[in-house]
């Protein structure tokens, strides 16, 4: 997404929104960080009016909040809320198979093959930001399976609310196990789509999300989880 900015001096609101949302998700902006409307407007070469609209959309998605005396800040991450969000994401994954689907394109097949290669390259890397970037690409690939825009928008909102918390916890988990799990998911989804079995691909996604939620439940008590865990990206 950042590369899109270099191609246009005046990106549209959608591009700015997706760029800032990605930064929040990948923890470039940490919980509690302040976002300055004027500074961001200057960075993206737009007036403060469209930037204000972008920030309002981010706030509607629960990624930032306006606080008296503090301005606009990135929202904190709550463990119990994340468990609830993952439960909703599992239900949404089930819904994809019941909705009108797009034709599986050659581009999607190519992206999944590329994702498998890029995921395999993460072994031993210990780079949460790289892991997060691959996870976002996989999410986007799954989103291409449905034509229901409302479902996709809601799924996007839940993904970006929860994914940054999972990336945060990676330092507390076995890195190569997490990479292997994602690689297994990517490969199986690719095989399902090669067989044009979207229901099986969605089930694969649902199982993966269920495993993630199970891990979150097991680590319910994290008394020593502090903001410094965000470091080491």
Protein backbone atom coordinates (compact mmCIF):
# COMPACT_ATOMS: atom_id res chain seq x y z
CA UNK A 1 0.00 0.00 0.00
CA UNK A 2 2.80 2.43 0.80
CA UNK A 3 4.04 2.02 -2.78
CA UNK A 4 0.75 3.45 -4.01
CA UNK A 5 1.54 6.70 -2.27
CA UNK A 6 4.73 7.17 -4.27
CA UNK A 7 2.73 6.90 -7.49
CA UNK A 8 0.36 9.76 -6.67
CA UNK A 9 1.00 13.09 -4.97
CA UNK A 10 -2.68 13.34 -4.02
CA UNK A 11 -4.04 9.91 -3.04
CA UNK A 12 -7.79 9.59 -2.61
CA UNK A 13 -9.48 9.09 0.75
CA UNK A 14 -9.78 5.33 0.26
CA UNK A 15 -6.02 4.98 -0.31
CA UNK A 16 -5.22 7.15 2.71
CA UNK A 17 -7.65 5.20 4.88
CA UNK A 18 -6.19 1.85 3.84
CA UNK A 19 -2.65 3.12 4.38
CA UNK A 20 -3.35 4.37 7.91
CA UNK A 21 -5.35 1.25 8.75
CA UNK A 22 -2.44 -0.91 7.64
CA UNK A 23 -0.01 1.11 9.76
CA UNK A 24 -2.22 0.62 12.81
CA UNK A 25 -2.60 -3.09 12.09
CA UNK A 26 1.15 -3.61 11.67
CA UNK A 27 1.82 -1.59 14.84
CA UNK A 28 3.66 1.22 13.09
CA UNK A 29 1.22 3.29 15.14
CA UNK A 30 1.09 1.78 18.63
CA UNK A 31 -1.85 1.83 21.04
CA UNK A 32 -1.84 5.23 22.72
CA UNK A 33 0.02 6.96 19.88
CA UNK A 34 -1.41 10.30 18.81
CA UNK A 35 -2.40 10.97 15.18
CA UNK A 36 -2.17 14.61 14.20
CA UNK A 37 -4.67 15.61 11.55
CA UNK A 38 -2.57 18.50 10.24
CA UNK A 39 0.65 16.47 10.04
CA UNK A 40 -1.10 13.61 8.24
CA UNK A 41 -2.78 16.01 5.81
CA UNK A 42 0.64 17.42 4.95
CA UNK A 43 2.13 13.94 4.53
CA UNK A 44 -0.56 12.87 2.06
CA UNK A 45 -0.72 16.27 0.35
CA UNK A 46 -4.42 16.77 1.02
CA UNK A 47 -6.46 19.34 2.88
CA UNK A 48 -7.61 18.72 6.42
CA UNK A 49 -11.22 18.14 5.29
CA UNK A 50 -10.62 14.75 3.57
CA UNK A 51 -8.14 13.80 6.29
CA UNK A 52 -10.80 14.49 8.90
CA UNK A 53 -13.17 12.19 7.01
CA UNK A 54 -10.52 9.44 6.96
CA UNK A 55 -9.91 9.75 10.69
CA UNK A 56 -13.64 9.63 11.32
CA UNK A 57 -13.86 6.37 9.39
CA UNK A 58 -10.95 4.91 11.38
CA UNK A 59 -12.75 5.93 14.56
CA UNK A 60 -15.97 4.29 13.35
CA UNK A 61 -13.96 1.09 12.84
CA UNK A 62 -12.70 1.24 16.42
CA UNK A 63 -9.03 1.78 15.53
CA UNK A 64 -8.69 5.32 16.89
CA UNK A 65 -10.61 7.49 19.32
CA UNK A 66 -10.95 11.19 20.02
CA UNK A 67 -10.22 12.01 23.63
CA UNK A 68 -10.60 15.37 25.31
CA UNK A 69 -7.22 16.85 26.09
CA UNK A 70 -5.33 14.12 24.19
CA UNK A 71 -6.61 14.49 20.65
CA UNK A 72 -6.88 11.50 18.32
CA UNK A 73 -5.15 8.38 19.62
CA UNK A 74 -4.79 4.78 18.53
CA UNK A 75 -7.09 2.60 20.62
CA UNK A 76 -5.80 0.11 23.15
CA UNK A 77 -6.02 -3.65 22.72
CA UNK A 78 -8.33 -5.60 25.01
CA UNK A 79 -7.96 -9.36 25.35
CA UNK A 80 -11.56 -10.23 26.18
CA UNK A 81 -12.80 -8.11 23.28
CA UNK A 82 -10.41 -9.88 20.92
CA UNK A 83 -11.87 -13.26 21.86
CA UNK A 84 -15.33 -11.96 20.99
CA UNK A 85 -14.12 -10.54 17.69
CA UNK A 86 -12.49 -13.82 16.70
CA UNK A 87 -15.77 -15.61 17.47
CA UNK A 88 -17.54 -13.22 15.09
CA UNK A 89 -14.88 -13.71 12.43
CA UNK A 90 -15.48 -17.45 12.58
CA UNK A 91 -19.20 -16.88 12.01
CA UNK A 92 -18.47 -14.56 9.10
CA UNK A 93 -16.17 -17.13 7.53
CA UNK A 94 -19.08 -19.57 7.57
CA UNK A 95 -21.27 -16.98 5.84
CA UNK A 96 -18.99 -16.64 2.82
CA UNK A 97 -19.97 -20.09 1.55
CA UNK A 98 -23.66 -19.10 1.76
CA UNK A 99 -23.21 -15.89 -0.23
CA UNK A 100 -22.89 -15.31 -3.98
CA UNK A 101 -19.26 -16.00 -4.88
CA UNK A 102 -16.92 -14.59 -7.45
CA UNK A 103 -15.38 -16.74 -10.13
CA UNK A 104 -12.01 -17.96 -8.90
CA UNK A 105 -9.52 -16.05 -11.02
CA UNK A 106 -6.05 -16.92 -12.18
CA UNK A 107 -4.86 -13.86 -10.24
CA UNK A 108 -6.16 -15.37 -7.01
CA UNK A 109 -4.43 -18.68 -7.70
CA UNK A 110 -1.19 -16.82 -8.41
CA UNK A 111 -1.51 -14.79 -5.21
CA UNK A 112 -1.99 -17.90 -3.09
CA UNK A 113 1.05 -19.54 -4.67
CA UNK A 114 3.04 -16.39 -3.99
CA UNK A 115 1.74 -16.31 -0.42
CA UNK A 116 2.89 -19.88 0.15
CA UNK A 117 6.39 -18.94 -0.97
CA UNK A 118 6.47 -15.74 1.09
CA UNK A 119 5.12 -17.51 4.18
CA UNK A 120 7.77 -20.23 3.92
CA UNK A 121 10.40 -17.48 3.85
CA UNK A 122 9.31 -16.38 7.34
CA UNK A 123 10.77 -19.43 9.11
CA UNK A 124 13.38 -18.28 11.61
CA UNK A 125 12.88 -14.63 10.63
CA UNK A 126 11.22 -13.45 13.88
CA UNK A 127 9.77 -10.43 12.06
CA UNK A 128 6.26 -9.68 13.28
CA UNK A 129 5.73 -6.96 10.70
CA UNK A 130 6.58 -9.34 7.84
CA UNK A 131 4.24 -11.95 9.35
CA UNK A 132 1.52 -9.33 9.59
CA UNK A 133 1.96 -8.25 5.98
CA UNK A 134 1.52 -11.83 4.78
CA UNK A 135 -1.54 -12.25 7.02
CA UNK A 136 -3.12 -9.13 5.50
CA UNK A 137 -2.54 -10.50 2.00
CA UNK A 138 -4.16 -13.81 2.95
CA UNK A 139 -7.15 -11.95 4.41
CA UNK A 140 -7.48 -9.93 1.22
CA UNK A 141 -7.35 -13.11 -0.86
CA UNK A 142 -10.18 -14.64 1.17
CA UNK A 143 -12.17 -11.46 0.74
CA UNK A 144 -12.10 -11.96 -3.02
CA UNK A 145 -14.29 -15.05 -2.68
CA UNK A 146 -17.50 -13.13 -2.01
CA UNK A 147 -19.35 -10.43 -3.95
CA UNK A 148 -21.24 -9.26 -0.85
CA UNK A 149 -19.76 -5.84 -0.12
CA UNK A 150 -21.42 -5.48 3.30
CA UNK A 151 -19.98 -8.80 4.41
CA UNK A 152 -16.56 -7.81 3.12
CA UNK A 153 -16.63 -4.43 4.87
CA UNK A 154 -17.65 -5.96 8.20
CA UNK A 155 -15.05 -8.70 7.82
CA UNK A 156 -12.41 -6.06 7.09
CA UNK A 157 -13.33 -4.09 10.19
CA UNK A 158 -13.09 -7.13 12.45
CA UNK A 159 -9.83 -8.30 10.88
CA UNK A 160 -8.04 -5.00 11.40
CA UNK A 161 -9.35 -4.69 14.95
CA UNK A 162 -8.07 -8.12 15.95
CA UNK A 163 -5.04 -8.88 13.79
CA UNK A 164 -2.73 -6.36 15.47
CA UNK A 165 -3.34 -8.05 18.81
CA UNK A 166 -2.37 -11.42 17.37
CA UNK A 167 0.81 -9.93 15.87
CA UNK A 168 1.58 -8.43 19.27
CA UNK A 169 1.41 -11.84 20.93
CA UNK A 170 3.69 -13.55 18.43
CA UNK A 171 6.71 -12.86 20.62
CA UNK A 172 5.09 -15.00 23.35
CA UNK A 173 4.47 -17.96 21.05
CA UNK A 174 6.64 -20.41 19.12
CA UNK A 175 7.46 -18.49 15.95
CA UNK A 176 8.06 -21.40 13.58
CA UNK A 177 4.90 -23.16 14.76
CA UNK A 178 2.84 -20.08 13.92
CA UNK A 179 4.52 -19.78 10.52
CA UNK A 180 3.91 -23.46 9.81
CA UNK A 181 0.23 -23.11 10.74
CA UNK A 182 -0.21 -20.21 8.34
CA UNK A 183 1.70 -22.02 5.60
CA UNK A 184 -0.51 -25.09 6.03
CA UNK A 185 -3.59 -22.87 5.80
CA UNK A 186 -2.41 -21.10 2.65
CA UNK A 187 -1.52 -24.35 0.91
CA UNK A 188 -4.79 -26.07 1.80
CA UNK A 189 -6.88 -23.08 0.73
CA UNK A 190 -4.98 -23.05 -2.56
CA UNK A 191 -5.71 -26.73 -3.10
CA UNK A 192 -9.39 -26.23 -2.28
CA UNK A 193 -9.70 -23.41 -4.78
CA UNK A 194 -7.86 -25.37 -7.43
CA UNK A 195 -10.64 -27.94 -6.99
CA UNK A 196 -13.16 -25.04 -7.12
CA UNK A 197 -14.43 -26.03 -3.69
CA UNK A 198 -15.07 -22.70 -2.00
CA UNK A 199 -16.92 -24.31 0.91
CA UNK A 200 -13.81 -26.34 1.75
CA UNK A 201 -11.61 -23.24 1.47
CA UNK A 202 -13.90 -21.36 3.85
CA UNK A 203 -13.91 -24.29 6.26
CA UNK A 204 -10.12 -24.22 6.25
CA UNK A 205 -10.21 -20.54 7.15
CA UNK A 206 -12.75 -21.19 9.90
CA UNK A 207 -10.60 -23.96 11.42
CA UNK A 208 -7.53 -21.70 11.41
CA UNK A 209 -9.42 -18.89 13.14
CA UNK A 210 -10.74 -21.35 15.71
CA UNK A 211 -7.20 -22.46 16.51
CA UNK A 212 -6.13 -18.85 16.92
CA UNK A 213 -9.02 -18.19 19.27
CA UNK A 214 -8.12 -21.31 21.27
CA UNK A 215 -4.62 -19.91 21.75
CA UNK A 216 -6.04 -16.57 22.86
CA UNK A 217 -8.26 -18.28 25.43
CA UNK A 218 -5.25 -20.16 26.82
CA UNK A 219 -3.34 -16.93 27.36
CA UNK A 220 -6.25 -15.17 29.03
CA UNK A 221 -4.06 -14.00 31.88
CA UNK A 222 -1.16 -11.89 30.68
CA UNK A 223 -0.23 -9.78 33.72
CA UNK A 224 3.17 -8.92 32.27
CA UNK A 225 1.91 -7.86 28.85
CA UNK A 226 3.11 -4.29 28.45
CA UNK A 227 3.48 -1.78 25.66
CA UNK A 228 7.12 -2.78 25.16
CA UNK A 229 5.82 -6.07 23.71
CA UNK A 230 4.98 -3.98 20.67
CA UNK A 231 8.66 -3.50 19.99
CA UNK A 232 10.88 -5.78 17.92
CA UNK A 233 8.81 -5.42 14.77
